[in-house]
C-alpha atoms as a PDB file:
ATOM      1  CA  UNK A   1     -26.914 -18.837  -6.542  1.00  0.00           C
ATOM      2  CA  UNK A   2     -24.391 -16.509  -4.421  1.00  0.00           C
ATOM      3  CA  UNK A   3     -24.071 -17.840  -0.949  1.00  0.00           C
ATOM      4  CA  UNK A   4     -23.936 -14.219   0.112  1.00  0.00           C
ATOM      5  CA  UNK A   5     -24.348 -15.683   3.987  1.00  0.00           C
ATOM      6  CA  UNK A   6     -21.374 -17.536   4.177  1.00  0.00           C
ATOM      7  CA  UNK A   7     -19.679 -14.672   2.264  1.00  0.00           C
ATOM      8  CA  UNK A   8     -20.513 -12.091   4.832  1.00  0.00           C
ATOM      9  CA  UNK A   9     -19.860 -14.532   7.630  1.00  0.00           C
ATOM     10  CA  UNK A  10     -15.701 -14.655   6.559  1.00  0.00           C
ATOM     11  CA  UNK A  11     -13.875 -12.105   8.752  1.00  0.00           C
ATOM     12  CA  UNK A  12     -11.782 -10.972   5.842  1.00  0.00           C
ATOM     13  CA  UNK A  13     -14.383  -9.153   4.317  1.00  0.00           C
ATOM     14  CA  UNK A  14     -13.671  -6.040   6.528  1.00  0.00           C
ATOM     15  CA  UNK A  15      -9.736  -5.751   5.172  1.00  0.00           C
ATOM     16  CA  UNK A  16     -11.546  -5.921   1.618  1.00  0.00           C
ATOM     17  CA  UNK A  17     -11.810  -1.784   1.068  1.00  0.00           C
ATOM     18  CA  UNK A  18      -8.235  -1.140   2.194  1.00  0.00           C
ATOM     19  CA  UNK A  19      -7.288  -4.077  -0.067  1.00  0.00           C
ATOM     20  CA  UNK A  20      -8.755  -2.348  -3.074  1.00  0.00           C
ATOM     21  CA  UNK A  21      -7.171   1.096  -1.823  1.00  0.00           C
ATOM     22  CA  UNK A  22      -4.038  -0.245  -1.669  1.00  0.00           C
ATOM     23  CA  UNK A  23      -4.024  -1.886  -4.996  1.00  0.00           C
ATOM     24  CA  UNK A  24      -5.385   1.204  -6.706  1.00  0.00           C
ATOM     25  CA  UNK A  25      -2.649   3.214  -5.145  1.00  0.00           C
ATOM     26  CA  UNK A  26       0.540   0.892  -5.888  1.00  0.00           C
ATOM     27  CA  UNK A  27      -0.672  -2.218  -7.476  1.00  0.00           C
ATOM     28  CA  UNK A  28       0.974  -4.494  -5.152  1.00  0.00           C
ATOM     29  CA  UNK A  29      -0.097  -5.206  -1.348  1.00  0.00           C
ATOM     30  CA  UNK A  30       0.750  -7.477   1.458  1.00  0.00           C
ATOM     31  CA  UNK A  31      -2.363  -9.400   3.000  1.00  0.00           C
ATOM     32  CA  UNK A  32      -1.947 -10.991   6.543  1.00  0.00           C
ATOM     33  CA  UNK A  33      -5.337 -12.650   7.786  1.00  0.00           C
ATOM     34  CA  UNK A  34      -5.746 -15.402  10.497  1.00  0.00           C
ATOM     35  CA  UNK A  35      -6.181 -18.866   9.729  1.00  0.00           C
ATOM     36  CA  UNK A  36      -9.703 -19.781   8.614  1.00  0.00           C
ATOM     37  CA  UNK A  37     -10.782 -15.762   7.504  1.00  0.00           C
ATOM     38  CA  UNK A  38     -11.230 -16.838   4.175  1.00  0.00           C
ATOM     39  CA  UNK A  39      -8.410 -14.840   2.460  1.00  0.00           C
ATOM     40  CA  UNK A  40      -8.012 -17.721   0.401  1.00  0.00           C
ATOM     41  CA  UNK A  41     -11.380 -18.027  -1.334  1.00  0.00           C
ATOM     42  CA  UNK A  42     -13.025 -14.349  -0.780  1.00  0.00           C
ATOM     43  CA  UNK A  43     -10.278 -12.031  -1.703  1.00  0.00           C
ATOM     44  CA  UNK A  44     -10.088 -13.896  -5.464  1.00  0.00           C
ATOM     45  CA  UNK A  45     -13.894 -13.508  -5.815  1.00  0.00           C
ATOM     46  CA  UNK A  46     -13.520 -10.071  -4.901  1.00  0.00           C
ATOM     47  CA  UNK A  47     -10.634  -9.196  -7.330  1.00  0.00           C
ATOM     48  CA  UNK A  48     -12.337 -10.722 -10.244  1.00  0.00           C
ATOM     49  CA  UNK A  49     -15.743  -8.850  -9.355  1.00  0.00           C
ATOM     50  CA  UNK A  50     -17.816 -11.762  -8.975  1.00  0.00           C
ATOM     51  CA  UNK A  51     -19.194 -10.741  -5.552  1.00  0.00           C
ATOM     52  CA  UNK A  52     -21.516  -7.894  -6.574  1.00  0.00           C
ATOM     53  CA  UNK A  53     -25.165  -8.598  -7.458  1.00  0.00           C
ATOM     54  CA  UNK A  54     -25.729  -9.780 -11.506  1.00  0.00           C
ATOM     55  CA  UNK A  55     -21.606  -9.686 -11.307  1.00  0.00           C
ATOM     56  CA  UNK A  56     -21.454  -6.121 -11.137  1.00  0.00           C
ATOM     57  CA  UNK A  57     -17.878  -5.534 -10.045  1.00  0.00           C
ATOM     58  CA  UNK A  58     -15.379  -4.713 -12.554  1.00  0.00           C
ATOM     59  CA  UNK A  59     -14.308  -8.306 -14.190  1.00  0.00           C
ATOM     60  CA  UNK A  60     -10.726  -9.297 -13.784  1.00  0.00           C
ATOM     61  CA  UNK A  61      -8.915 -12.573 -14.473  1.00  0.00           C
ATOM     62  CA  UNK A  62      -7.233 -13.843 -11.496  1.00  0.00           C
ATOM     63  CA  UNK A  63      -4.801 -16.204 -10.961  1.00  0.00           C
ATOM     64  CA  UNK A  64      -3.854 -17.798  -7.549  1.00  0.00           C
ATOM     65  CA  UNK A  65      -0.713 -19.656  -6.600  1.00  0.00           C
ATOM     66  CA  UNK A  66      -0.974 -22.358  -3.875  1.00  0.00           C
ATOM     67  CA  UNK A  67       1.922 -24.359  -2.750  1.00  0.00           C
ATOM     68  CA  UNK A  68      -0.101 -27.740  -2.951  1.00  0.00           C
ATOM     69  CA  UNK A  69      -2.201 -29.480  -5.333  1.00  0.00           C
ATOM     70  CA  UNK A  70      -4.650 -30.500  -2.663  1.00  0.00           C
ATOM     71  CA  UNK A  71      -5.241 -27.241  -1.774  1.00  0.00           C
ATOM     72  CA  UNK A  72      -5.595 -25.819  -5.320  1.00  0.00           C
ATOM     73  CA  UNK A  73      -8.396 -28.342  -5.677  1.00  0.00           C
ATOM     74  CA  UNK A  74      -9.922 -27.392  -2.705  1.00  0.00           C
ATOM     75  CA  UNK A  75      -9.924 -23.814  -2.927  1.00  0.00           C
ATOM     76  CA  UNK A  76     -11.284 -23.667  -6.433  1.00  0.00           C
ATOM     77  CA  UNK A  77     -14.251 -25.904  -4.864  1.00  0.00           C
ATOM     78  CA  UNK A  78     -15.002 -23.850  -2.044  1.00  0.00           C
ATOM     79  CA  UNK A  79     -15.200 -20.627  -4.275  1.00  0.00           C
ATOM     80  CA  UNK A  80     -17.268 -22.239  -6.962  1.00  0.00           C
ATOM     81  CA  UNK A  81     -19.744 -23.522  -3.644  1.00  0.00           C
ATOM     82  CA  UNK A  82     -19.629 -20.218  -2.551  1.00  0.00           C
ATOM     83  CA  UNK A  83     -20.932 -18.538  -6.006  1.00  0.00           C
ATOM     84  CA  UNK A  84     -23.643 -21.536  -6.538  1.00  0.00           C
ATOM     85  CA  UNK A  85     -21.571 -22.994  -9.423  1.00  0.00           C
ATOM     86  CA  UNK A  86     -19.697 -25.966 -10.448  1.00  0.00           C
ATOM     87  CA  UNK A  87     -15.900 -26.463 -10.678  1.00  0.00           C
ATOM     88  CA  UNK A  88     -14.622 -24.902 -14.077  1.00  0.00           C
ATOM     89  CA  UNK A  89     -17.542 -22.267 -14.549  1.00  0.00           C
ATOM     90  CA  UNK A  90     -16.393 -19.085 -13.415  1.00  0.00           C
ATOM     91  CA  UNK A  91     -13.634 -20.676 -11.032  1.00  0.00           C
ATOM     92  CA  UNK A  92     -11.678 -23.567 -11.991  1.00  0.00           C
ATOM     93  CA  UNK A  93      -7.959 -24.667 -10.974  1.00  0.00           C
ATOM     94  CA  UNK A  94      -4.717 -26.189 -12.937  1.00  0.00           C
ATOM     95  CA  UNK A  95      -2.470 -28.693 -11.270  1.00  0.00           C
ATOM     96  CA  UNK A  96      -0.023 -31.177 -12.662  1.00  0.00           C
ATOM     97  CA  UNK A  97      -2.113 -33.517 -14.900  1.00  0.00           C
ATOM     98  CA  UNK A  98      -5.119 -31.986 -14.408  1.00  0.00           C
ATOM     99  CA  UNK A  99      -6.910 -28.717 -15.702  1.00  0.00           C
ATOM    100  CA  UNK A 100     -10.709 -27.873 -15.087  1.00  0.00           C
ATOM    101  CA  UNK A 101     -10.935 -24.350 -16.282  1.00  0.00           C
ATOM    102  CA  UNK A 102     -14.100 -23.025 -18.415  1.00  0.00           C
ATOM    103  CA  UNK A 103     -13.785 -20.508 -21.622  1.00  0.00           C
ATOM    104  CA  UNK A 104     -15.438 -17.681 -19.301  1.00  0.00           C
ATOM    105  CA  UNK A 105     -13.633 -18.256 -15.854  1.00  0.00           C
ATOM    106  CA  UNK A 106     -12.459 -15.295 -14.267  1.00  0.00           C
ATOM    107  CA  UNK A 107     -10.596 -16.952 -11.198  1.00  0.00           C
ATOM    108  CA  UNK A 108      -8.205 -19.680 -11.948  1.00  0.00           C
ATOM    109  CA  UNK A 109      -6.298 -21.710  -8.884  1.00  0.00           C
ATOM    110  CA  UNK A 110      -2.595 -23.183  -9.691  1.00  0.00           C
ATOM    111  CA  UNK A 111       0.207 -24.317  -8.000  1.00  0.00           C
ATOM    112  CA  UNK A 112       2.952 -22.372  -7.760  1.00  0.00           C
ATOM    113  CA  UNK A 113       5.059 -25.046 -10.545  1.00  0.00           C
ATOM    114  CA  UNK A 114       2.238 -24.485 -12.836  1.00  0.00           C
ATOM    115  CA  UNK A 115       2.672 -20.932 -12.498  1.00  0.00           C
ATOM    116  CA  UNK A 116       6.562 -20.928 -12.835  1.00  0.00           C
ATOM    117  CA  UNK A 117       6.027 -22.733 -16.069  1.00  0.00           C
ATOM    118  CA  UNK A 118       3.362 -20.495 -17.343  1.00  0.00           C
ATOM    119  CA  UNK A 119       5.876 -17.520 -16.566  1.00  0.00           C
ATOM    120  CA  UNK A 120       8.606 -18.935 -18.739  1.00  0.00           C
ATOM    121  CA  UNK A 121       6.504 -19.185 -21.704  1.00  0.00           C
ATOM    122  CA  UNK A 122       4.809 -16.098 -21.416  1.00  0.00           C
ATOM    123  CA  UNK A 123       6.444 -13.437 -19.261  1.00  0.00           C
ATOM    124  CA  UNK A 124       3.723 -10.645 -19.657  1.00  0.00           C
ATOM    125  CA  UNK A 125       0.870 -13.149 -18.297  1.00  0.00           C
ATOM    126  CA  UNK A 126      -1.179 -12.006 -21.195  1.00  0.00           C
ATOM    127  CA  UNK A 127      -4.789 -11.323 -20.134  1.00  0.00           C
ATOM    128  CA  UNK A 128      -4.265 -12.135 -16.291  1.00  0.00           C
ATOM    129  CA  UNK A 129      -4.979  -8.864 -14.277  1.00  0.00           C
ATOM    130  CA  UNK A 130      -4.128  -9.809 -10.761  1.00  0.00           C
ATOM    131  CA  UNK A 131      -1.935 -12.732  -9.212  1.00  0.00           C
ATOM    132  CA  UNK A 132      -2.653 -13.815  -5.722  1.00  0.00           C
ATOM    133  CA  UNK A 133       0.362 -15.585  -3.907  1.00  0.00           C
ATOM    134  CA  UNK A 134      -1.233 -17.565  -0.995  1.00  0.00           C
ATOM    135  CA  UNK A 135       0.393 -18.830   1.914  1.00  0.00           C
ATOM    136  CA  UNK A 136       3.411 -16.953   0.881  1.00  0.00           C
ATOM    137  CA  UNK A 137       4.845 -18.096   4.097  1.00  0.00           C
ATOM    138  CA  UNK A 138       5.918 -21.517   2.873  1.00  0.00           C
ATOM    139  CA  UNK A 139       9.268 -20.763   1.482  1.00  0.00           C
ATOM    140  CA  UNK A 140      10.682 -23.274  -1.329  1.00  0.00           C
ATOM    141  CA  UNK A 141      12.323 -22.991  -4.701  1.00  0.00           C
ATOM    142  CA  UNK A 142       9.259 -22.534  -6.854  1.00  0.00           C
ATOM    143  CA  UNK A 143       7.173 -20.120  -4.776  1.00  0.00           C
ATOM    144  CA  UNK A 144      10.646 -18.085  -4.750  1.00  0.00           C
ATOM    145  CA  UNK A 145      11.261 -17.872  -7.811  1.00  0.00           C
ATOM    146  CA  UNK A 146       7.597 -17.269  -8.897  1.00  0.00           C
ATOM    147  CA  UNK A 147       7.709 -14.058  -6.475  1.00  0.00           C
ATOM    148  CA  UNK A 148      11.322 -12.836  -8.464  1.00  0.00           C
ATOM    149  CA  UNK A 149       9.627 -13.344 -11.774  1.00  0.00           C
ATOM    150  CA  UNK A 150       6.471 -11.545 -10.648  1.00  0.00           C
ATOM    151  CA  UNK A 151       8.228  -8.735  -9.251  1.00  0.00           C
ATOM    152  CA  UNK A 152      10.472  -8.303 -12.109  1.00  0.00           C
ATOM    153  CA  UNK A 153       7.545  -8.579 -14.741  1.00  0.00           C
ATOM    154  CA  UNK A 154       5.791  -5.842 -12.647  1.00  0.00           C
ATOM    155  CA  UNK A 155       8.821  -3.227 -13.066  1.00  0.00           C
ATOM    156  CA  UNK A 156       9.599  -3.915 -16.681  1.00  0.00           C
ATOM    157  CA  UNK A 157       6.555  -5.488 -18.426  1.00  0.00           C
ATOM    158  CA  UNK A 158       3.395  -5.201 -16.764  1.00  0.00           C
ATOM    159  CA  UNK A 159       3.212  -2.332 -14.324  1.00  0.00           C
ATOM    160  CA  UNK A 160      -0.411  -2.775 -14.137  1.00  0.00           C
ATOM    161  CA  UNK A 161      -0.586  -6.250 -12.875  1.00  0.00           C
ATOM    162  CA  UNK A 162      -1.858  -6.433  -9.439  1.00  0.00           C
ATOM    163  CA  UNK A 163       0.048  -8.411  -7.185  1.00  0.00           C
ATOM    164  CA  UNK A 164      -0.752  -9.944  -3.422  1.00  0.00           C
ATOM    165  CA  UNK A 165       1.283 -11.462  -1.210  1.00  0.00           C
ATOM    166  CA  UNK A 166      -0.877 -13.082   1.638  1.00  0.00           C
ATOM    167  CA  UNK A 167      -0.316 -15.284   4.629  1.00  0.00           C
ATOM    168  CA  UNK A 168      -1.266 -15.669   8.558  1.00  0.00           C
ATOM    169  CA  UNK A 169       2.278 -15.942   9.820  1.00  0.00           C
ATOM    170  CA  UNK A 170       4.724 -14.183   6.891  1.00  0.00           C
ATOM    171  CA  UNK A 171       7.054 -11.633   7.686  1.00  0.00           C
ATOM    172  CA  UNK A 172       4.930  -8.647   6.070  1.00  0.00           C
ATOM    173  CA  UNK A 173       7.351  -5.994   6.204  1.00  0.00           C
ATOM    174  CA  UNK A 174       9.953  -8.179   4.424  1.00  0.00           C
ATOM    175  CA  UNK A 175       7.356  -9.086   1.758  1.00  0.00           C
ATOM    176  CA  UNK A 176       6.351  -5.083   1.825  1.00  0.00           C
ATOM    177  CA  UNK A 177      10.255  -4.151   1.036  1.00  0.00           C
ATOM    178  CA  UNK A 178      10.154  -6.972  -1.819  1.00  0.00           C
ATOM    179  CA  UNK A 179       6.909  -5.481  -3.676  1.00  0.00           C
ATOM    180  CA  UNK A 180       8.627  -2.139  -3.794  1.00  0.00           C
ATOM    181  CA  UNK A 181       7.148  -0.785  -0.181  1.00  0.00           C
ATOM    182  CA  UNK A 182       3.633  -1.960  -0.925  1.00  0.00           C
ATOM    183  CA  UNK A 183       0.934  -1.354   2.252  1.00  0.00           C
ATOM    184  CA  UNK A 184       0.086  -4.190   4.421  1.00  0.00           C
ATOM    185  CA  UNK A 185      -3.095  -4.950   4.889  1.00  0.00           C
ATOM    186  CA  UNK A 186      -4.439  -6.943   8.083  1.00  0.00           C
ATOM    187  CA  UNK A 187      -7.880  -8.751   8.667  1.00  0.00           C
ATOM    188  CA  UNK A 188      -8.892  -9.072  12.131  1.00  0.00           C
ATOM    189  CA  UNK A 189     -10.101 -12.915  12.687  1.00  0.00           C
ATOM    190  CA  UNK A 190     -12.463 -13.755  15.221  1.00  0.00           C
ATOM    191  CA  UNK A 191     -10.247 -14.973  18.351  1.00  0.00           C
ATOM    192  CA  UNK A 192     -10.830 -17.965  20.566  1.00  0.00           C
ATOM    193  CA  UNK A 193      -8.630 -18.829  23.274  1.00  0.00           C
ATOM    194  CA  UNK A 194      -6.530 -21.938  22.612  1.00  0.00           C
ATOM    195  CA  UNK A 195      -5.042 -24.086  25.728  1.00  0.00           C
ATOM    196  CA  UNK A 196      -1.649 -25.274  24.994  1.00  0.00           C
ATOM    197  CA  UNK A 197      -0.953 -28.741  27.183  1.00  0.00           C
ATOM    198  CA  UNK A 198       2.386 -29.680  26.803  1.00  0.00           C
ATOM    199  CA  UNK A 199       2.638 -33.786  26.756  1.00  0.00           C
ATOM    200  CA  UNK A 200       6.267 -34.760  26.327  1.00  0.00           C
ATOM    201  CA  UNK A 201       7.077 -38.877  25.855  1.00  0.00           C
ATOM    202  CA  UNK A 202       7.528 -40.547  29.290  1.00  0.00           C
ATOM    203  CA  UNK A 203      10.990 -41.795  27.889  1.00  0.00           C
ATOM    204  CA  UNK A 204      13.536 -39.851  25.778  1.00  0.00           C
ATOM    205  CA  UNK A 205      13.165 -40.258  21.943  1.00  0.00           C
ATOM    206  CA  UNK A 206      15.641 -40.166  19.186  1.00  0.00           C
ATOM    207  CA  UNK A 207      15.720 -37.019  17.041  1.00  0.00           C
ATOM    208  CA  UNK A 208      14.680 -37.434  13.365  1.00  0.00           C
ATOM    209  CA  UNK A 209      17.589 -38.349  11.217  1.00  0.00           C
ATOM    210  CA  UNK A 210      16.789 -38.166   7.538  1.00  0.00           C
ATOM    211  CA  UNK A 211      13.807 -39.423   6.887  1.00  0.00           C
ATOM    212  CA  UNK A 212      13.528 -41.484  10.290  1.00  0.00           C
ATOM    213  CA  UNK A 213      11.129 -40.923  13.035  1.00  0.00           C
ATOM    214  CA  UNK A 214      11.904 -42.813  16.221  1.00  0.00           C
ATOM    215  CA  UNK A 215       8.769 -45.227  16.400  1.00  0.00           C
ATOM    216  CA  UNK A 216       8.493 -44.787  20.022  1.00  0.00           C
ATOM    217  CA  UNK A 217       7.353 -40.885  19.326  1.00  0.00           C
ATOM    218  CA  UNK A 218       4.588 -42.571  16.846  1.00  0.00           C
ATOM    219  CA  UNK A 219       3.803 -44.451  19.880  1.00  0.00           C
ATOM    220  CA  UNK A 220       3.307 -41.451  22.108  1.00  0.00           C
ATOM    221  CA  UNK A 221       1.372 -39.581  19.538  1.00  0.00           C
ATOM    222  CA  UNK A 222      -1.126 -41.998  19.058  1.00  0.00           C
ATOM    223  CA  UNK A 223      -1.377 -42.190  22.836  1.00  0.00           C
ATOM    224  CA  UNK A 224      -2.225 -38.619  23.019  1.00  0.00           C
ATOM    225  CA  UNK A 225      -4.683 -38.915  20.446  1.00  0.00           C
ATOM    226  CA  UNK A 226      -6.489 -41.306  22.630  1.00  0.00           C
ATOM    227  CA  UNK A 227      -6.268 -39.248  25.565  1.00  0.00           C
ATOM    228  CA  UNK A 228      -7.667 -36.220  23.414  1.00  0.00           C
ATOM    229  CA  UNK A 229     -10.772 -38.288  22.499  1.00  0.00           C
ATOM    230  CA  UNK A 230     -11.618 -39.097  26.194  1.00  0.00           C
ATOM    231  CA  UNK A 231     -10.875 -35.470  27.306  1.00  0.00           C
ATOM    232  CA  UNK A 232     -12.339 -33.182  24.939  1.00  0.00           C
ATOM    233  CA  UNK A 233     -15.003 -32.748  22.961  1.00  0.00           C
ATOM    234  CA  UNK A 234     -14.841 -32.118  18.637  1.00  0.00           C
ATOM    235  CA  UNK A 235     -12.794 -33.409  16.176  1.00  0.00           C
ATOM    236  CA  UNK A 236      -9.294 -34.009  16.533  1.00  0.00           C
ATOM    237  CA  UNK A 237      -6.470 -32.940  14.229  1.00  0.00           C
ATOM    238  CA  UNK A 238      -3.232 -34.761  14.298  1.00  0.00           C
ATOM    239  CA  UNK A 239      -0.377 -33.444  12.549  1.00  0.00           C
ATOM    240  CA  UNK A 240       2.240 -35.664  11.331  1.00  0.00           C
ATOM    241  CA  UNK A 241       5.325 -34.998   8.758  1.00  0.00           C
ATOM    242  CA  UNK A 242       4.592 -37.751   6.414  1.00  0.00           C
ATOM    243  CA  UNK A 243       2.283 -40.691   4.706  1.00  0.00           C
ATOM    244  CA  UNK A 244       4.560 -43.489   6.178  1.00  0.00           C
ATOM    245  CA  UNK A 245       3.701 -42.000   9.940  1.00  0.00           C
ATOM    246  CA  UNK A 246       0.202 -41.185   9.025  1.00  0.00           C
ATOM    247  CA  UNK A 247       0.002 -45.016   7.999  1.00  0.00           C
ATOM    248  CA  UNK A 248       1.737 -45.973  11.385  1.00  0.00           C
ATOM    249  CA  UNK A 249      -0.410 -44.416  13.740  1.00  0.00           C
ATOM    250  CA  UNK A 250      -3.364 -45.184  12.181  1.00  0.00           C
ATOM    251  CA  UNK A 251      -2.477 -48.598  12.285  1.00  0.00           C
ATOM    252  CA  UNK A 252      -1.734 -48.316  16.243  1.00  0.00           C
ATOM    253  CA  UNK A 253      -5.275 -46.067  16.784  1.00  0.00           C
ATOM    254  CA  UNK A 254      -7.401 -49.163  15.517  1.00  0.00           C
ATOM    255  CA  UNK A 255     -10.706 -49.256  16.977  1.00  0.00           C
ATOM    256  CA  UNK A 256     -11.734 -45.515  17.801  1.00  0.00           C
ATOM    257  CA  UNK A 257     -15.054 -46.272  19.359  1.00  0.00           C
ATOM    258  CA  UNK A 258     -17.308 -45.065  16.519  1.00  0.00           C
ATOM    259  CA  UNK A 259     -14.958 -42.049  15.865  1.00  0.00           C
ATOM    260  CA  UNK A 260     -14.099 -41.815  11.957  1.00  0.00           C
ATOM    261  CA  UNK A 261     -10.550 -41.774  11.331  1.00  0.00           C
ATOM    262  CA  UNK A 262      -9.264 -40.028   8.148  1.00  0.00           C
ATOM    263  CA  UNK A 263      -5.834 -39.818   6.469  1.00  0.00           C
ATOM    264  CA  UNK A 264      -5.168 -36.345   4.979  1.00  0.00           C
ATOM    265  CA  UNK A 265      -1.817 -36.233   2.312  1.00  0.00           C
ATOM    266  CA  UNK A 266      -1.077 -34.650  -0.942  1.00  0.00           C
ATOM    267  CA  UNK A 267      -1.759 -38.388  -2.465  1.00  0.00           C
ATOM    268  CA  UNK A 268      -5.114 -38.717  -0.760  1.00  0.00           C
ATOM    269  CA  UNK A 269      -8.021 -39.478  -2.976  1.00  0.00           C
ATOM    270  CA  UNK A 270     -10.305 -36.950  -4.096  1.00  0.00           C
ATOM    271  CA  UNK A 271     -13.027 -38.633  -1.876  1.00  0.00           C
ATOM    272  CA  UNK A 272     -10.884 -38.762   1.465  1.00  0.00           C
ATOM    273  CA  UNK A 273     -10.307 -34.739   0.442  1.00  0.00           C
ATOM    274  CA  UNK A 274     -14.231 -33.971  -0.025  1.00  0.00           C
ATOM    275  CA  UNK A 275     -14.687 -35.852   3.425  1.00  0.00           C
ATOM    276  CA  UNK A 276     -12.181 -33.891   5.260  1.00  0.00           C
ATOM    277  CA  UNK A 277     -13.469 -30.592   4.488  1.00  0.00           C
ATOM    278  CA  UNK A 278     -16.768 -31.202   4.931  1.00  0.00           C
ATOM    279  CA  UNK A 279     -18.620 -31.349   8.754  1.00  0.00           C
ATOM    280  CA  UNK A 280     -19.003 -35.241   9.309  1.00  0.00           C
ATOM    281  CA  UNK A 281     -22.056 -36.918  10.888  1.00  0.00           C
ATOM    282  CA  UNK A 282     -19.507 -38.654  13.306  1.00  0.00           C
ATOM    283  CA  UNK A 283     -16.777 -37.348  15.649  1.00  0.00           C
ATOM    284  CA  UNK A 284     -13.959 -37.507  13.562  1.00  0.00           C
ATOM    285  CA  UNK A 285      -9.885 -38.120  13.999  1.00  0.00           C
ATOM    286  CA  UNK A 286      -7.774 -36.775  10.665  1.00  0.00           C
ATOM    287  CA  UNK A 287      -4.629 -37.678  10.569  1.00  0.00           C
ATOM    288  CA  UNK A 288      -2.894 -35.124   8.120  1.00  0.00           C
ATOM    289  CA  UNK A 289       0.569 -33.747   6.903  1.00  0.00           C
ATOM    290  CA  UNK A 290       1.528 -30.081   6.846  1.00  0.00           C
ATOM    291  CA  UNK A 291      -1.058 -29.613   3.914  1.00  0.00           C
ATOM    292  CA  UNK A 292      -3.838 -28.983   6.975  1.00  0.00           C
ATOM    293  CA  UNK A 293      -1.403 -26.381   8.543  1.00  0.00           C
ATOM    294  CA  UNK A 294      -2.229 -23.728   6.320  1.00  0.00           C
ATOM    295  CA  UNK A 295      -3.964 -25.121   2.990  1.00  0.00           C
ATOM    296  CA  UNK A 296      -7.509 -26.131   4.170  1.00  0.00           C
ATOM    297  CA  UNK A 297      -9.633 -25.435   6.907  1.00  0.00           C
ATOM    298  CA  UNK A 298     -10.932 -28.726   8.341  1.00  0.00           C
ATOM    299  CA  UNK A 299     -14.393 -27.743  10.331  1.00  0.00           C
ATOM    300  CA  UNK A 300     -15.441 -29.015  13.516  1.00  0.00           C
ATOM    301  CA  UNK A 301     -11.660 -29.189  14.999  1.00  0.00           C
ATOM    302  CA  UNK A 302     -11.640 -28.882  18.371  1.00  0.00           C
ATOM    303  CA  UNK A 303      -8.113 -29.984  19.715  1.00  0.00           C
ATOM    304  CA  UNK A 304      -5.095 -30.557  17.560  1.00  0.00           C
ATOM    305  CA  UNK A 305      -2.101 -32.917  18.111  1.00  0.00           C
ATOM    306  CA  UNK A 306       1.145 -31.632  16.846  1.00  0.00           C
ATOM    307  CA  UNK A 307       4.311 -33.792  16.969  1.00  0.00           C
ATOM    308  CA  UNK A 308       6.380 -30.968  16.449  1.00  0.00           C
ATOM    309  CA  UNK A 309       7.679 -32.627  13.075  1.00  0.00           C
ATOM    310  CA  UNK A 310       7.811 -31.285   9.218  1.00  0.00           C
ATOM    311  CA  UNK A 311       9.197 -32.920   5.896  1.00  0.00           C
ATOM    312  CA  UNK A 312      10.984 -30.546   4.153  1.00  0.00           C
ATOM    313  CA  UNK A 313      13.531 -30.456   1.218  1.00  0.00           C
ATOM    314  CA  UNK A 314      17.013 -30.051   2.064  1.00  0.00           C
ATOM    315  CA  UNK A 315      20.115 -29.931  -0.148  1.00  0.00           C
ATOM    316  CA  UNK A 316      22.876 -32.466   0.215  1.00  0.00           C
ATOM    317  CA  UNK A 317      25.636 -30.369  -0.665  1.00  0.00           C
ATOM    318  CA  UNK A 318      27.796 -34.302  -0.955  1.00  0.00           C
ATOM    319  CA  UNK A 319      26.046 -34.941  -3.713  1.00  0.00           C
ATOM    320  CA  UNK A 320      24.588 -31.538  -4.880  1.00  0.00           C
ATOM    321  CA  UNK A 321      21.154 -33.026  -4.840  1.00  0.00           C
ATOM    322  CA  UNK A 322      18.144 -32.145  -2.682  1.00  0.00           C
ATOM    323  CA  UNK A 323      15.911 -34.560  -0.738  1.00  0.00           C
ATOM    324  CA  UNK A 324      13.004 -34.643   1.664  1.00  0.00           C
ATOM    325  CA  UNK A 325      14.271 -34.717   5.585  1.00  0.00           C
ATOM    326  CA  UNK A 326      12.151 -34.915   8.748  1.00  0.00           C
ATOM    327  CA  UNK A 327      12.967 -31.595  10.741  1.00  0.00           C
ATOM    328  CA  UNK A 328      11.470 -29.769  13.590  1.00  0.00           C
ATOM    329  CA  UNK A 329       8.303 -27.627  13.031  1.00  0.00           C
ATOM    330  CA  UNK A 330       9.113 -23.745  12.835  1.00  0.00           C
ATOM    331  CA  UNK A 331       7.438 -21.608  15.356  1.00  0.00           C
ATOM    332  CA  UNK A 332       5.122 -20.049  12.697  1.00  0.00           C
ATOM    333  CA  UNK A 333       3.992 -23.600  11.666  1.00  0.00           C
ATOM    334  CA  UNK A 334       3.151 -24.398  15.114  1.00  0.00           C
ATOM    335  CA  UNK A 335       1.346 -20.999  15.616  1.00  0.00           C
ATOM    336  CA  UNK A 336      -0.322 -22.018  12.166  1.00  0.00           C
ATOM    337  CA  UNK A 337      -1.293 -25.642  13.567  1.00  0.00           C
ATOM    338  CA  UNK A 338      -2.553 -24.390  16.446  1.00  0.00           C
ATOM    339  CA  UNK A 339      -5.038 -21.641  14.901  1.00  0.00           C
ATOM    340  CA  UNK A 340      -6.699 -24.785  13.499  1.00  0.00           C
ATOM    341  CA  UNK A 341      -8.290 -25.616  16.720  1.00  0.00           C
END
């Protein structure tokens, strides 16, 4: 049974008529919607025609491209829950090493890497009616190549293929020009005031270098999490650059006085991912990489502690190879992270 009460509560629903009109007119659109408004879960279901009573909408097959595996799994599970089904029936997902897609699935969530390989094998994307590039502000090689391929496919092979670029903080006009002067559709979210508290370390810390992060900064982050627990209500979401930093801060936090400590990253077990995406019975402290920045909505969060760092691929021109490096998070990332409060 479709959970219409949950679907009607998603603010992005008000933007669906404008998005449908834009796609009918030109076949491409840019969707700008604040974090947590439902663009990742409601829009694919609407484009696939799965929201009408008895699935009366026009039947389409929709592919949703996510930047991370954890986001692809979470989006598929959420959409299946909204439809009152199991993953693999109307909604499935494909990531590296794992595929749960039934014969009658109309929405498939994939990573950009999987979609890139699929485009290399089948440039026409036979049987696919629409592609959604979710979180398109996250620039990396796979995502940029997929976008270029899709633009070329629409121009040469499949002009009827619908293409949507969706994000909360992307350069909407730049994407609109890339998609052939496509219209920009904006969704209004439910805005809550967010108080920003600047808490610099007492002593100067060394800037990140390569994969290294000054231990003094991690100690300060742990102290800030404890302060947030004492001064504010609700769950606390803390952003750290990588798995190693999450483990160090978790070790320094120790006993949290009855609060539950969760560690979320791309290698986290499925049980932990499920626990993070469901409201807990106890107060929670969630230590996460940037996967929770825009790919996941963690319920119950009232405080965000941001280390200001991210781990991204950078090219070592001396070796001609790319490697992960710890860098300062961008302003767009900071807005995304604050929006999780």
